[in-house]
Amino acid sequence: MKKILATLGLVFLMTGTQAHATGLFYTDATYPVTATGSKVQDLSTLKKGTASTNNILFLVETGDASIDTAAKNGGIKKISHIDIHEKSVFIFWKGVKVTVYGE
């Protein structure tokens, strides 16, 4: 029993403290990070840019999920709002995708 509790404690330490909800075994969630005060008349006209990272076994992480990279990928100069999409399967794999919307 002590080994199980120690293992669960280690998993929680590896995932860190985050402001959003993360499932222990599976996560597939999108949540907002920030929004600017920029006025947008029609959301359907906004450009969209994405950037992502992938993590395997909390040992190897590759990619660039920065807001700057996502904005450049979408040709965005004026950011309206940003969403984050996380998907994970226990400690085996985790993907993070940043989506930036703007003009």
PDB file of N, CA and C in Angstrom:
ATOM      1  N   MET A   1       0.820  -1.188   0.000  1.00  0.00           N
ATOM      2  CA  MET A   1       0.000   0.000   0.000  1.00  0.00           C
ATOM      3  C   MET A   1       0.869   1.259   0.000  1.00  0.00           C
ATOM      4  N   LYS A   2       1.961   1.229   0.753  1.00  0.00           N
ATOM      5  CA  LYS A   2       2.847   2.394   0.802  1.00  0.00           C
ATOM      6  C   LYS A   2       3.479   2.658  -0.565  1.00  0.00           C
ATOM      7  N   LYS A   3       3.790   1.581  -1.297  1.00  0.00           N
ATOM      8  CA  LYS A   3       4.381   1.744  -2.623  1.00  0.00           C
ATOM      9  C   LYS A   3       3.391   2.394  -3.583  1.00  0.00           C
ATOM     10  N   ILE A   4       2.119   2.006  -3.474  1.00  0.00           N
ATOM     11  CA  ILE A   4       1.095   2.591  -4.343  1.00  0.00           C
ATOM     12  C   ILE A   4       0.949   4.083  -4.050  1.00  0.00           C
ATOM     13  N   LEU A   5       0.878   4.446  -2.772  1.00  0.00           N
ATOM     14  CA  LEU A   5       0.761   5.854  -2.405  1.00  0.00           C
ATOM     15  C   LEU A   5       1.993   6.648  -2.826  1.00  0.00           C
ATOM     16  N   ALA A   6       3.153   6.059  -2.677  1.00  0.00           N
ATOM     17  CA  ALA A   6       4.385   6.731  -3.097  1.00  0.00           C
ATOM     18  C   ALA A   6       4.398   6.938  -4.605  1.00  0.00           C
ATOM     19  N   THR A   7       3.942   5.941  -5.358  1.00  0.00           N
ATOM     20  CA  THR A   7       3.884   6.057  -6.813  1.00  0.00           C
ATOM     21  C   THR A   7       2.895   7.139  -7.233  1.00  0.00           C
ATOM     22  N   LEU A   8       1.719   7.176  -6.624  1.00  0.00           N
ATOM     23  CA  LEU A   8       0.731   8.209  -6.940  1.00  0.00           C
ATOM     24  C   LEU A   8       1.260   9.598  -6.586  1.00  0.00           C
ATOM     25  N   GLY A   9       1.952   9.702  -5.458  1.00  0.00           N
ATOM     26  CA  GLY A   9       2.553  10.980  -5.072  1.00  0.00           C
ATOM     27  C   GLY A   9       3.579  11.442  -6.087  1.00  0.00           C
ATOM     28  N   LEU A  10       4.378  10.515  -6.578  1.00  0.00           N
ATOM     29  CA  LEU A  10       5.377  10.838  -7.592  1.00  0.00           C
ATOM     30  C   LEU A  10       4.716  11.313  -8.885  1.00  0.00           C
ATOM     31  N   VAL A  11       3.634  10.667  -9.278  1.00  0.00           N
ATOM     32  CA  VAL A  11       2.906  11.076 -10.488  1.00  0.00           C
ATOM     33  C   VAL A  11       2.379  12.495 -10.330  1.00  0.00           C
ATOM     34  N   PHE A  12       1.811  12.817  -9.174  1.00  0.00           N
ATOM     35  CA  PHE A  12       1.306  14.167  -8.944  1.00  0.00           C
ATOM     36  C   PHE A  12       2.430  15.194  -8.977  1.00  0.00           C
ATOM     37  N   LEU A  13       3.578  14.861  -8.439  1.00  0.00           N
ATOM     38  CA  LEU A  13       4.717  15.778  -8.482  1.00  0.00           C
ATOM     39  C   LEU A  13       5.210  15.987  -9.906  1.00  0.00           C
ATOM     40  N   MET A  14       5.174  14.943 -10.712  1.00  0.00           N
ATOM     41  CA  MET A  14       5.638  15.045 -12.091  1.00  0.00           C
ATOM     42  C   MET A  14       4.709  15.912 -12.928  1.00  0.00           C
ATOM     43  N   THR A  15       3.409  15.895 -12.629  1.00  0.00           N
ATOM     44  CA  THR A  15       2.472  16.684 -13.419  1.00  0.00           C
ATOM     45  C   THR A  15       2.503  18.148 -13.016  1.00  0.00           C
ATOM     46  N   GLY A  16       3.003  18.462 -11.846  1.00  0.00           N
ATOM     47  CA  GLY A  16       3.123  19.850 -11.414  1.00  0.00           C
ATOM     48  C   GLY A  16       1.786  20.444 -11.006  1.00  0.00           C
ATOM     49  N   THR A  17       1.843  21.684 -10.558  1.00  0.00           N
ATOM     50  CA  THR A  17       0.612  22.376 -10.188  1.00  0.00           C
ATOM     51  C   THR A  17       0.205  23.252 -11.353  1.00  0.00           C
ATOM     52  N   GLN A  18      -1.033  23.117 -11.756  1.00  0.00           N
ATOM     53  CA  GLN A  18      -1.531  23.845 -12.903  1.00  0.00           C
ATOM     54  C   GLN A  18      -2.856  24.492 -12.550  1.00  0.00           C
ATOM     55  N   ALA A  19      -3.174  25.585 -13.219  1.00  0.00           N
ATOM     56  CA  ALA A  19      -4.393  26.318 -12.937  1.00  0.00           C
ATOM     57  C   ALA A  19      -5.618  25.680 -13.593  1.00  0.00           C
ATOM     58  N   HIS A  20      -5.435  24.714 -14.443  1.00  0.00           N
ATOM     59  CA  HIS A  20      -6.536  24.075 -15.139  1.00  0.00           C
ATOM     60  C   HIS A  20      -6.678  22.624 -14.679  1.00  0.00           C
ATOM     61  N   ALA A  21      -7.799  22.053 -15.024  1.00  0.00           N
ATOM     62  CA  ALA A  21      -8.058  20.667 -14.622  1.00  0.00           C
ATOM     63  C   ALA A  21      -7.295  19.695 -15.515  1.00  0.00           C
ATOM     64  N   THR A  22      -6.663  18.717 -14.910  1.00  0.00           N
ATOM     65  CA  THR A  22      -5.962  17.679 -15.652  1.00  0.00           C
ATOM     66  C   THR A  22      -6.370  16.335 -15.071  1.00  0.00           C
ATOM     67  N   GLY A  23      -6.860  15.444 -15.926  1.00  0.00           N
ATOM     68  CA  GLY A  23      -7.229  14.110 -15.464  1.00  0.00           C
ATOM     69  C   GLY A  23      -5.984  13.282 -15.191  1.00  0.00           C
ATOM     70  N   LEU A  24      -6.045  12.450 -14.199  1.00  0.00           N
ATOM     71  CA  LEU A  24      -4.896  11.613 -13.861  1.00  0.00           C
ATOM     72  C   LEU A  24      -4.618  10.581 -14.950  1.00  0.00           C
ATOM     73  N   PHE A  25      -5.665   9.963 -15.491  1.00  0.00           N
ATOM     74  CA  PHE A  25      -5.475   8.903 -16.480  1.00  0.00           C
ATOM     75  C   PHE A  25      -5.698   9.367 -17.917  1.00  0.00           C
ATOM     76  N   TYR A  26      -6.603  10.329 -18.119  1.00  0.00           N
ATOM     77  CA  TYR A  26      -6.896  10.786 -19.479  1.00  0.00           C
ATOM     78  C   TYR A  26      -7.398  12.223 -19.434  1.00  0.00           C
ATOM     79  N   THR A  27      -6.921  13.038 -20.351  1.00  0.00           N
ATOM     80  CA  THR A  27      -7.364  14.422 -20.477  1.00  0.00           C
ATOM     81  C   THR A  27      -7.576  14.731 -21.950  1.00  0.00           C
ATOM     82  N   ASP A  28      -8.659  15.420 -22.250  1.00  0.00           N
ATOM     83  CA  ASP A  28      -8.921  15.941 -23.583  1.00  0.00           C
ATOM     84  C   ASP A  28      -9.757  17.196 -23.374  1.00  0.00           C
ATOM     85  N   ALA A  29      -9.093  18.328 -23.159  1.00  0.00           N
ATOM     86  CA  ALA A  29      -9.796  19.550 -22.784  1.00  0.00           C
ATOM     87  C   ALA A  29      -9.218  20.772 -23.488  1.00  0.00           C
ATOM     88  N   THR A  30     -10.095  21.714 -23.772  1.00  0.00           N
ATOM     89  CA  THR A  30      -9.700  22.998 -24.332  1.00  0.00           C
ATOM     90  C   THR A  30     -10.160  24.077 -23.366  1.00  0.00           C
ATOM     91  N   TYR A  31      -9.290  25.046 -23.100  1.00  0.00           N
ATOM     92  CA  TYR A  31      -9.654  26.123 -22.190  1.00  0.00           C
ATOM     93  C   TYR A  31      -8.978  27.412 -22.640  1.00  0.00           C
ATOM     94  N   PRO A  32      -9.565  28.547 -22.283  1.00  0.00           N
ATOM     95  CA  PRO A  32      -8.985  29.828 -22.674  1.00  0.00           C
ATOM     96  C   PRO A  32      -7.815  30.200 -21.773  1.00  0.00           C
ATOM     97  N   VAL A  33      -6.871  30.910 -22.338  1.00  0.00           N
ATOM     98  CA  VAL A  33      -5.742  31.377 -21.551  1.00  0.00           C
ATOM     99  C   VAL A  33      -5.858  32.869 -21.331  1.00  0.00           C
ATOM    100  N   THR A  34      -6.082  33.609 -22.388  1.00  0.00           N
ATOM    101  CA  THR A  34      -6.135  35.054 -22.262  1.00  0.00           C
ATOM    102  C   THR A  34      -6.965  35.650 -23.381  1.00  0.00           C
ATOM    103  N   ALA A  35      -7.373  36.866 -23.182  1.00  0.00           N
ATOM    104  CA  ALA A  35      -8.055  37.623 -24.229  1.00  0.00           C
ATOM    105  C   ALA A  35      -7.596  39.066 -24.098  1.00  0.00           C
ATOM    106  N   THR A  36      -7.542  39.744 -25.215  1.00  0.00           N
ATOM    107  CA  THR A  36      -7.143  41.146 -25.194  1.00  0.00           C
ATOM    108  C   THR A  36      -8.389  42.011 -25.259  1.00  0.00           C
ATOM    109  N   GLY A  37      -8.214  43.283 -25.144  1.00  0.00           N
ATOM    110  CA  GLY A  37      -9.342  44.207 -25.218  1.00  0.00           C
ATOM    111  C   GLY A  37      -9.674  44.582 -26.651  1.00  0.00           C
ATOM    112  N   SER A  38      -9.116  43.882 -27.618  1.00  0.00           N
ATOM    113  CA  SER A  38      -9.334  44.240 -29.012  1.00  0.00           C
ATOM    114  C   SER A  38     -10.781  43.955 -29.409  1.00  0.00           C
ATOM    115  N   LYS A  39     -11.394  44.917 -30.076  1.00  0.00           N
ATOM    116  CA  LYS A  39     -12.791  44.799 -30.515  1.00  0.00           C
ATOM    117  C   LYS A  39     -12.844  44.033 -31.831  1.00  0.00           C
ATOM    118  N   VAL A  40     -13.660  42.990 -31.862  1.00  0.00           N
ATOM    119  CA  VAL A  40     -13.828  42.182 -33.070  1.00  0.00           C
ATOM    120  C   VAL A  40     -15.313  42.163 -33.404  1.00  0.00           C
ATOM    121  N   GLN A  41     -15.647  42.569 -34.615  1.00  0.00           N
ATOM    122  CA  GLN A  41     -17.038  42.604 -35.038  1.00  0.00           C
ATOM    123  C   GLN A  41     -17.555  41.212 -35.400  1.00  0.00           C
ATOM    124  N   ASP A  42     -16.752  40.440 -36.113  1.00  0.00           N
ATOM    125  CA  ASP A  42     -17.180  39.143 -36.610  1.00  0.00           C
ATOM    126  C   ASP A  42     -16.085  38.113 -36.327  1.00  0.00           C
ATOM    127  N   LEU A  43     -16.346  37.204 -35.399  1.00  0.00           N
ATOM    128  CA  LEU A  43     -15.343  36.205 -35.025  1.00  0.00           C
ATOM    129  C   LEU A  43     -14.981  35.279 -36.179  1.00  0.00           C
ATOM    130  N   SER A  44     -15.888  35.099 -37.133  1.00  0.00           N
ATOM    131  CA  SER A  44     -15.609  34.187 -38.249  1.00  0.00           C
ATOM    132  C   SER A  44     -14.547  34.734 -39.199  1.00  0.00           C
ATOM    133  N   THR A  45     -14.243  36.021 -39.112  1.00  0.00           N
ATOM    134  CA  THR A  45     -13.234  36.614 -39.994  1.00  0.00           C
ATOM    135  C   THR A  45     -11.825  36.544 -39.410  1.00  0.00           C
ATOM    136  N   LEU A  46     -11.710  36.081 -38.179  1.00  0.00           N
ATOM    137  CA  LEU A  46     -10.395  36.037 -37.530  1.00  0.00           C
ATOM    138  C   LEU A  46      -9.496  34.979 -38.160  1.00  0.00           C
ATOM    139  N   LYS A  47      -8.212  35.307 -38.220  1.00  0.00           N
ATOM    140  CA  LYS A  47      -7.215  34.322 -38.634  1.00  0.00           C
ATOM    141  C   LYS A  47      -6.940  33.407 -37.447  1.00  0.00           C
ATOM    142  N   LYS A  48      -6.397  32.229 -37.737  1.00  0.00           N
ATOM    143  CA  LYS A  48      -6.115  31.248 -36.691  1.00  0.00           C
ATOM    144  C   LYS A  48      -4.726  30.670 -36.927  1.00  0.00           C
ATOM    145  N   GLY A  49      -3.909  30.631 -35.888  1.00  0.00           N
ATOM    146  CA  GLY A  49      -2.586  30.024 -35.963  1.00  0.00           C
ATOM    147  C   GLY A  49      -2.396  29.057 -34.819  1.00  0.00           C
ATOM    148  N   THR A  50      -1.687  27.950 -35.075  1.00  0.00           N
ATOM    149  CA  THR A  50      -1.483  26.948 -34.028  1.00  0.00           C
ATOM    150  C   THR A  50      -0.001  26.599 -33.884  1.00  0.00           C
ATOM    151  N   ALA A  51       0.341  26.123 -32.706  1.00  0.00           N
ATOM    152  CA  ALA A  51       1.678  25.610 -32.410  1.00  0.00           C
ATOM    153  C   ALA A  51       1.503  24.523 -31.360  1.00  0.00           C
ATOM    154  N   SER A  52       2.363  23.503 -31.369  1.00  0.00           N
ATOM    155  CA  SER A  52       2.137  22.380 -30.449  1.00  0.00           C
ATOM    156  C   SER A  52       3.428  21.733 -29.962  1.00  0.00           C
ATOM    157  N   THR A  53       3.278  20.968 -28.877  1.00  0.00           N
ATOM    158  CA  THR A  53       4.365  20.146 -28.341  1.00  0.00           C
ATOM    159  C   THR A  53       3.833  18.750 -28.048  1.00  0.00           C
ATOM    160  N   ASN A  54       4.734  17.796 -27.970  1.00  0.00           N
ATOM    161  CA  ASN A  54       4.417  16.417 -27.598  1.00  0.00           C
ATOM    162  C   ASN A  54       5.425  15.951 -26.555  1.00  0.00           C
ATOM    163  N   ASN A  55       4.926  15.242 -25.550  1.00  0.00           N
ATOM    164  CA  ASN A  55       5.762  14.745 -24.468  1.00  0.00           C
ATOM    165  C   ASN A  55       5.541  13.242 -24.341  1.00  0.00           C
ATOM    166  N   ILE A  56       6.624  12.495 -24.257  1.00  0.00           N
ATOM    167  CA  ILE A  56       6.543  11.044 -24.120  1.00  0.00           C
ATOM    168  C   ILE A  56       7.164  10.627 -22.784  1.00  0.00           C
ATOM    169  N   LEU A  57       6.353  10.005 -21.950  1.00  0.00           N
ATOM    170  CA  LEU A  57       6.778   9.455 -20.649  1.00  0.00           C
ATOM    171  C   LEU A  57       7.436  10.494 -19.730  1.00  0.00           C
ATOM    172  N   PHE A  58       7.133  11.756 -19.908  1.00  0.00           N
ATOM    173  CA  PHE A  58       7.750  12.838 -19.141  1.00  0.00           C
ATOM    174  C   PHE A  58       9.275  12.800 -19.247  1.00  0.00           C
ATOM    175  N   LEU A  59       9.777  12.163 -20.310  1.00  0.00           N
ATOM    176  CA  LEU A  59      11.216  12.063 -20.521  1.00  0.00           C
ATOM    177  C   LEU A  59      11.674  12.909 -21.701  1.00  0.00           C
ATOM    178  N   VAL A  60      10.861  12.944 -22.758  1.00  0.00           N
ATOM    179  CA  VAL A  60      11.229  13.655 -23.980  1.00  0.00           C
ATOM    180  C   VAL A  60      10.063  14.552 -24.383  1.00  0.00           C
ATOM    181  N   GLU A  61      10.345  15.822 -24.598  1.00  0.00           N
ATOM    182  CA  GLU A  61       9.319  16.742 -25.095  1.00  0.00           C
ATOM    183  C   GLU A  61       9.886  17.481 -26.289  1.00  0.00           C
ATOM    184  N   THR A  62       9.101  17.526 -27.363  1.00  0.00           N
ATOM    185  CA  THR A  62       9.531  18.218 -28.570  1.00  0.00           C
ATOM    186  C   THR A  62       8.441  19.170 -29.025  1.00  0.00           C
ATOM    187  N   GLY A  63       8.849  20.201 -29.735  1.00  0.00           N
ATOM    188  CA  GLY A  63       7.902  21.153 -30.293  1.00  0.00           C
ATOM    189  C   GLY A  63       8.067  22.533 -29.714  1.00  0.00           C
ATOM    190  N   ASP A  64       7.269  23.449 -30.206  1.00  0.00           N
ATOM    191  CA  ASP A  64       7.271  24.838 -29.752  1.00  0.00           C
ATOM    192  C   ASP A  64       5.825  25.301 -29.697  1.00  0.00           C
ATOM    193  N   ALA A  65       5.256  25.358 -28.525  1.00  0.00           N
ATOM    194  CA  ALA A  65       3.864  25.757 -28.353  1.00  0.00           C
ATOM    195  C   ALA A  65       3.766  27.180 -27.825  1.00  0.00           C
ATOM    196  N   SER A  66       4.652  28.049 -28.265  1.00  0.00           N
ATOM    197  CA  SER A  66       4.619  29.429 -27.788  1.00  0.00           C
ATOM    198  C   SER A  66       3.556  30.229 -28.533  1.00  0.00           C
ATOM    199  N   ILE A  67       3.078  31.265 -27.888  1.00  0.00           N
ATOM    200  CA  ILE A  67       2.089  32.154 -28.495  1.00  0.00           C
ATOM    201  C   ILE A  67       2.693  32.837 -29.714  1.00  0.00           C
ATOM    202  N   ASP A  68       3.933  33.222 -29.618  1.00  0.00           N
ATOM    203  CA  ASP A  68       4.622  33.883 -30.733  1.00  0.00           C
ATOM    204  C   ASP A  68       4.661  32.987 -31.971  1.00  0.00           C
ATOM    205  N   THR A  69       5.014  31.722 -31.788  1.00  0.00           N
ATOM    206  CA  THR A  69       5.074  30.783 -32.910  1.00  0.00           C
ATOM    207  C   THR A  69       3.687  30.567 -33.514  1.00  0.00           C
ATOM    208  N   ALA A  70       2.671  30.420 -32.661  1.00  0.00           N
ATOM    209  CA  ALA A  70       1.306  30.226 -33.167  1.00  0.00           C
ATOM    210  C   ALA A  70       0.850  31.445 -33.963  1.00  0.00           C
ATOM    211  N   ALA A  71       1.154  32.641 -33.470  1.00  0.00           N
ATOM    212  CA  ALA A  71       0.768  33.865 -34.179  1.00  0.00           C
ATOM    213  C   ALA A  71       1.484  33.954 -35.525  1.00  0.00           C
ATOM    214  N   LYS A  72       2.767  33.645 -35.550  1.00  0.00           N
ATOM    215  CA  LYS A  72       3.521  33.666 -36.811  1.00  0.00           C
ATOM    216  C   LYS A  72       2.977  32.632 -37.797  1.00  0.00           C
ATOM    217  N   ASN A  73       2.626  31.435 -37.295  1.00  0.00           N
ATOM    218  CA  ASN A  73       2.084  30.383 -38.162  1.00  0.00           C
ATOM    219  C   ASN A  73       0.758  30.790 -38.797  1.00  0.00           C
ATOM    220  N   GLY A  74       0.009  31.672 -38.136  1.00  0.00           N
ATOM    221  CA  GLY A  74      -1.275  32.121 -38.672  1.00  0.00           C
ATOM    222  C   GLY A  74      -1.211  33.473 -39.348  1.00  0.00           C
ATOM    223  N   GLY A  75      -0.025  34.091 -39.374  1.00  0.00           N
ATOM    224  CA  GLY A  75       0.106  35.415 -39.968  1.00  0.00           C
ATOM    225  C   GLY A  75      -0.652  36.470 -39.177  1.00  0.00           C
ATOM    226  N   ILE A  76      -0.666  36.321 -37.858  1.00  0.00           N
ATOM    227  CA  ILE A  76      -1.445  37.210 -36.987  1.00  0.00           C
ATOM    228  C   ILE A  76      -0.536  38.277 -36.383  1.00  0.00           C
ATOM    229  N   LYS A  77      -0.959  39.534 -36.485  1.00  0.00           N
ATOM    230  CA  LYS A  77      -0.201  40.647 -35.908  1.00  0.00           C
ATOM    231  C   LYS A  77      -0.917  41.243 -34.693  1.00  0.00           C
ATOM    232  N   LYS A  78      -2.240  41.099 -34.638  1.00  0.00           N
ATOM    233  CA  LYS A  78      -3.039  41.644 -33.532  1.00  0.00           C
ATOM    234  C   LYS A  78      -3.864  40.498 -32.937  1.00  0.00           C
ATOM    235  N   ILE A  79      -3.491  40.045 -31.742  1.00  0.00           N
ATOM    236  CA  ILE A  79      -4.118  38.875 -31.115  1.00  0.00           C
ATOM    237  C   ILE A  79      -5.428  39.261 -30.441  1.00  0.00           C
ATOM    238  N   SER A  80      -6.458  38.465 -30.700  1.00  0.00           N
ATOM    239  CA  SER A  80      -7.767  38.664 -30.080  1.00  0.00           C
ATOM    240  C   SER A  80      -7.908  37.790 -28.834  1.00  0.00           C
ATOM    241  N   HIS A  81      -7.683  36.486 -28.996  1.00  0.00           N
ATOM    242  CA  HIS A  81      -7.743  35.578 -27.851  1.00  0.00           C
ATOM    243  C   HIS A  81      -6.952  34.302 -28.136  1.00  0.00           C
ATOM    244  N   ILE A  82      -6.705  33.533 -27.062  1.00  0.00           N
ATOM    245  CA  ILE A  82      -5.849  32.347 -27.139  1.00  0.00           C
ATOM    246  C   ILE A  82      -6.538  31.188 -26.426  1.00  0.00           C
ATOM    247  N   ASP A  83      -6.498  30.022 -27.044  1.00  0.00           N
ATOM    248  CA  ASP A  83      -7.007  28.796 -26.429  1.00  0.00           C
ATOM    249  C   ASP A  83      -5.881  27.779 -26.336  1.00  0.00           C
ATOM    250  N   ILE A  84      -5.988  26.917 -25.322  1.00  0.00           N
ATOM    251  CA  ILE A  84      -5.041  25.811 -25.146  1.00  0.00           C
ATOM    252  C   ILE A  84      -5.832  24.507 -25.212  1.00  0.00           C
ATOM    253  N   HIS A  85      -5.328  23.547 -25.956  1.00  0.00           N
ATOM    254  CA  HIS A  85      -5.949  22.221 -25.994  1.00  0.00           C
ATOM    255  C   HIS A  85      -4.916  21.213 -25.498  1.00  0.00           C
ATOM    256  N   GLU A  86      -5.281  20.493 -24.457  1.00  0.00           N
ATOM    257  CA  GLU A  86      -4.402  19.465 -23.901  1.00  0.00           C
ATOM    258  C   GLU A  86      -5.044  18.102 -24.068  1.00  0.00           C
ATOM    259  N   LYS A  87      -4.220  17.159 -24.428  1.00  0.00           N
ATOM    260  CA  LYS A  87      -4.660  15.776 -24.519  1.00  0.00           C
ATOM    261  C   LYS A  87      -3.554  14.923 -23.910  1.00  0.00           C
ATOM    262  N   SER A  88      -3.927  14.023 -23.003  1.00  0.00           N
ATOM    263  CA  SER A  88      -2.914  13.177 -22.383  1.00  0.00           C
ATOM    264  C   SER A  88      -3.489  11.812 -22.049  1.00  0.00           C
ATOM    265  N   VAL A  89      -2.598  10.838 -21.999  1.00  0.00           N
ATOM    266  CA  VAL A  89      -2.936   9.482 -21.595  1.00  0.00           C
ATOM    267  C   VAL A  89      -1.950   9.087 -20.504  1.00  0.00           C
ATOM    268  N   PHE A  90      -2.433   9.136 -19.258  1.00  0.00           N
ATOM    269  CA  PHE A  90      -1.653   8.854 -18.052  1.00  0.00           C
ATOM    270  C   PHE A  90      -0.275   9.508 -18.165  1.00  0.00           C
ATOM    271  N   ILE A  91       0.809   8.787 -17.943  1.00  0.00           N
ATOM    272  CA  ILE A  91       2.133   9.379 -18.075  1.00  0.00           C
ATOM    273  C   ILE A  91       2.786   8.999 -19.399  1.00  0.00           C
ATOM    274  N   PHE A  92       2.034   8.312 -20.260  1.00  0.00           N
ATOM    275  CA  PHE A  92       2.622   7.806 -21.500  1.00  0.00           C
ATOM    276  C   PHE A  92       2.806   8.892 -22.557  1.00  0.00           C
ATOM    277  N   TRP A  93       1.798   9.774 -22.717  1.00  0.00           N
ATOM    278  CA  TRP A  93       1.864  10.772 -23.784  1.00  0.00           C
ATOM    279  C   TRP A  93       1.047  11.998 -23.397  1.00  0.00           C
ATOM    280  N   LYS A  94       1.555  13.168 -23.772  1.00  0.00           N
ATOM    281  CA  LYS A  94       0.827  14.411 -23.540  1.00  0.00           C
ATOM    282  C   LYS A  94       1.088  15.340 -24.717  1.00  0.00           C
ATOM    283  N   GLY A  95       0.036  15.916 -25.245  1.00  0.00           N
ATOM    284  CA  GLY A  95       0.149  16.879 -26.320  1.00  0.00           C
ATOM    285  C   GLY A  95      -0.504  18.186 -25.916  1.00  0.00           C
ATOM    286  N   VAL A  96       0.137  19.292 -26.249  1.00  0.00           N
ATOM    287  CA  VAL A  96      -0.392  20.615 -25.959  1.00  0.00           C
ATOM    288  C   VAL A  96      -0.429  21.401 -27.266  1.00  0.00           C
ATOM    289  N   LYS A  97      -1.598  21.978 -27.583  1.00  0.00           N
ATOM    290  CA  LYS A  97      -1.721  22.781 -28.796  1.00  0.00           C
ATOM    291  C   LYS A  97      -2.239  24.164 -28.415  1.00  0.00           C
ATOM    292  N   VAL A  98      -1.490  25.188 -28.805  1.00  0.00           N
ATOM    293  CA  VAL A  98      -1.875  26.573 -28.560  1.00  0.00           C
ATOM    294  C   VAL A  98      -2.498  27.105 -29.842  1.00  0.00           C
ATOM    295  N   THR A  99      -3.696  27.690 -29.725  1.00  0.00           N
ATOM    296  CA  THR A  99      -4.367  28.282 -30.878  1.00  0.00           C
ATOM    297  C   THR A  99      -4.552  29.777 -30.606  1.00  0.00           C
ATOM    298  N   VAL A 100      -4.047  30.595 -31.510  1.00  0.00           N
ATOM    299  CA  VAL A 100      -4.134  32.042 -31.387  1.00  0.00           C
ATOM    300  C   VAL A 100      -5.083  32.550 -32.464  1.00  0.00           C
ATOM    301  N   TYR A 101      -5.989  33.429 -32.079  1.00  0.00           N
ATOM    302  CA  TYR A 101      -6.934  34.033 -33.013  1.00  0.00           C
ATOM    303  C   TYR A 101      -6.667  35.529 -33.076  1.00  0.00           C
ATOM    304  N   GLY A 102      -6.797  36.095 -34.249  1.00  0.00           N
ATOM    305  CA  GLY A 102      -6.591  37.532 -34.376  1.00  0.00           C
ATOM    306  C   GLY A 102      -6.603  37.995 -35.817  1.00  0.00           C
ATOM    307  N   GLU A 103      -6.069  39.184 -36.010  1.00  0.00           N
ATOM    308  CA  GLU A 103      -6.058  39.807 -37.336  1.00  0.00           C
ATOM    309  C   GLU A 103      -4.633  39.936 -37.843  1.00  0.00           C
TER     310      GLU A 103
END
